[in-house]
Amino acid sequence: MALPLFNQEIISQLQKAALEQERTATISSAALKFIYQHKLFKLFVPEAFGGSMAGLPEAVRIFEQASFIDGSFGWAVTIGAGGGFFSAYLPP
């Protein structure tokens, strides 16, 4: 089953890389490329600063989808995006 943001090709790539990522305690280049292409570390960053400015419900759905594919990938996306949540509230 392909999830809305994640097509079957990326799901397969991420799941195949999961064991090697766990063994090496790294994230695959395919996973990072996907994260950067879809601005997953910038989900909460305002669009004016290159982010997506996603709402919390939308972001949680993305975190859930990422975690369904691979728990470690979902954790990385969630942690990577989390700090950006506060960027909209910082003074210029």
Protein backbone atom coordinates (compact mmCIF):
# COMPACT_ATOMS: atom_id res chain seq x y z
CA MET A 1 0.00 0.00 0.00
CA ALA A 2 1.53 3.32 -1.08
CA LEU A 3 0.98 6.17 1.34
CA PRO A 4 0.14 9.65 0.00
CA LEU A 5 3.59 11.27 0.35
CA PHE A 6 5.54 8.06 -0.02
CA ASN A 7 5.31 6.14 -3.30
CA GLN A 8 6.03 2.42 -3.48
CA GLU A 9 9.54 2.98 -4.84
CA ILE A 10 10.67 5.12 -1.89
CA ILE A 11 8.91 2.81 0.57
CA SER A 12 10.88 -0.14 -0.84
CA GLN A 13 14.16 1.80 -0.78
CA LEU A 14 13.67 2.89 2.82
CA GLN A 15 12.65 -0.56 4.01
CA LYS A 16 15.58 -2.23 2.24
CA ALA A 17 17.99 0.27 3.81
CA ALA A 18 16.54 -0.11 7.32
CA LEU A 19 18.69 -3.03 8.49
CA GLU A 20 21.92 -1.49 7.21
CA GLN A 21 21.01 1.84 8.81
CA GLU A 22 20.39 0.10 12.12
CA ARG A 23 23.69 -1.78 11.90
CA THR A 24 25.73 1.32 11.02
CA ALA A 25 23.75 3.88 13.05
CA THR A 26 23.49 6.10 9.97
CA ILE A 27 20.74 7.26 7.66
CA SER A 28 20.87 6.24 4.00
CA SER A 29 21.54 8.73 1.23
CA ALA A 30 18.17 7.79 -0.31
CA ALA A 31 16.40 8.69 2.94
CA LEU A 32 18.23 11.99 3.26
CA LYS A 33 17.58 12.86 -0.37
CA PHE A 34 13.86 12.23 0.15
CA ILE A 35 13.83 14.27 3.36
CA TYR A 36 15.54 17.23 1.68
CA GLN A 37 13.44 17.06 -1.51
CA HIS A 38 10.20 17.12 0.49
CA LYS A 39 11.44 19.57 3.15
CA LEU A 40 10.57 17.13 5.92
CA PHE A 41 13.02 18.79 8.31
CA LYS A 42 11.29 22.10 7.56
CA LEU A 43 7.67 21.09 8.06
CA PHE A 44 7.07 23.81 10.65
CA VAL A 45 9.33 26.47 9.14
CA PRO A 46 7.48 29.39 7.50
CA GLU A 47 7.39 29.35 3.69
CA ALA A 48 9.21 32.71 3.64
CA PHE A 49 12.23 30.87 5.06
CA GLY A 50 12.06 27.86 2.74
CA GLY A 51 9.80 25.65 4.81
CA SER A 52 6.38 24.09 4.36
CA MET A 53 4.60 25.70 7.34
CA ALA A 54 2.56 22.52 7.79
CA GLY A 55 -0.11 22.40 10.42
CA LEU A 56 0.33 20.02 13.33
CA PRO A 57 -2.28 17.50 12.08
CA GLU A 58 -0.62 17.33 8.64
CA ALA A 59 2.84 16.94 10.19
CA VAL A 60 1.64 14.19 12.53
CA ARG A 61 0.23 12.27 9.55
CA ILE A 62 3.63 12.56 7.84
CA PHE A 63 5.41 11.38 11.00
CA GLU A 64 3.00 8.45 11.20
CA GLN A 65 3.56 7.51 7.54
CA ALA A 66 7.34 7.75 7.91
CA SER A 67 7.26 5.60 11.05
CA PHE A 68 5.04 3.02 9.37
CA ILE A 69 7.72 2.58 6.69
CA ASP A 70 10.58 2.35 9.20
CA GLY A 71 10.54 3.40 12.84
CA SER A 72 14.04 4.87 12.75
CA PHE A 73 13.23 6.88 9.62
CA GLY A 74 10.07 8.18 11.30
CA TRP A 75 12.04 9.12 14.40
CA ALA A 76 14.61 11.00 12.29
CA VAL A 77 11.90 12.94 10.46
CA THR A 78 10.07 13.77 13.68
CA ILE A 79 13.20 14.89 15.54
CA GLY A 80 14.55 16.75 12.51
CA ALA A 81 11.32 18.67 12.02
CA GLY A 82 10.61 19.32 15.69
CA GLY A 83 13.05 22.17 16.22
CA GLY A 84 11.52 24.08 13.33
CA PHE A 85 8.22 24.24 15.21
CA PHE A 86 9.54 27.18 17.18
CA SER A 87 10.91 29.10 14.20
CA ALA A 88 7.55 30.74 13.47
CA TYR A 89 7.59 32.27 16.95
CA LEU A 90 11.09 33.73 16.94
CA PRO A 91 11.54 37.46 16.47
CA PRO A 92 13.01 38.49 13.11
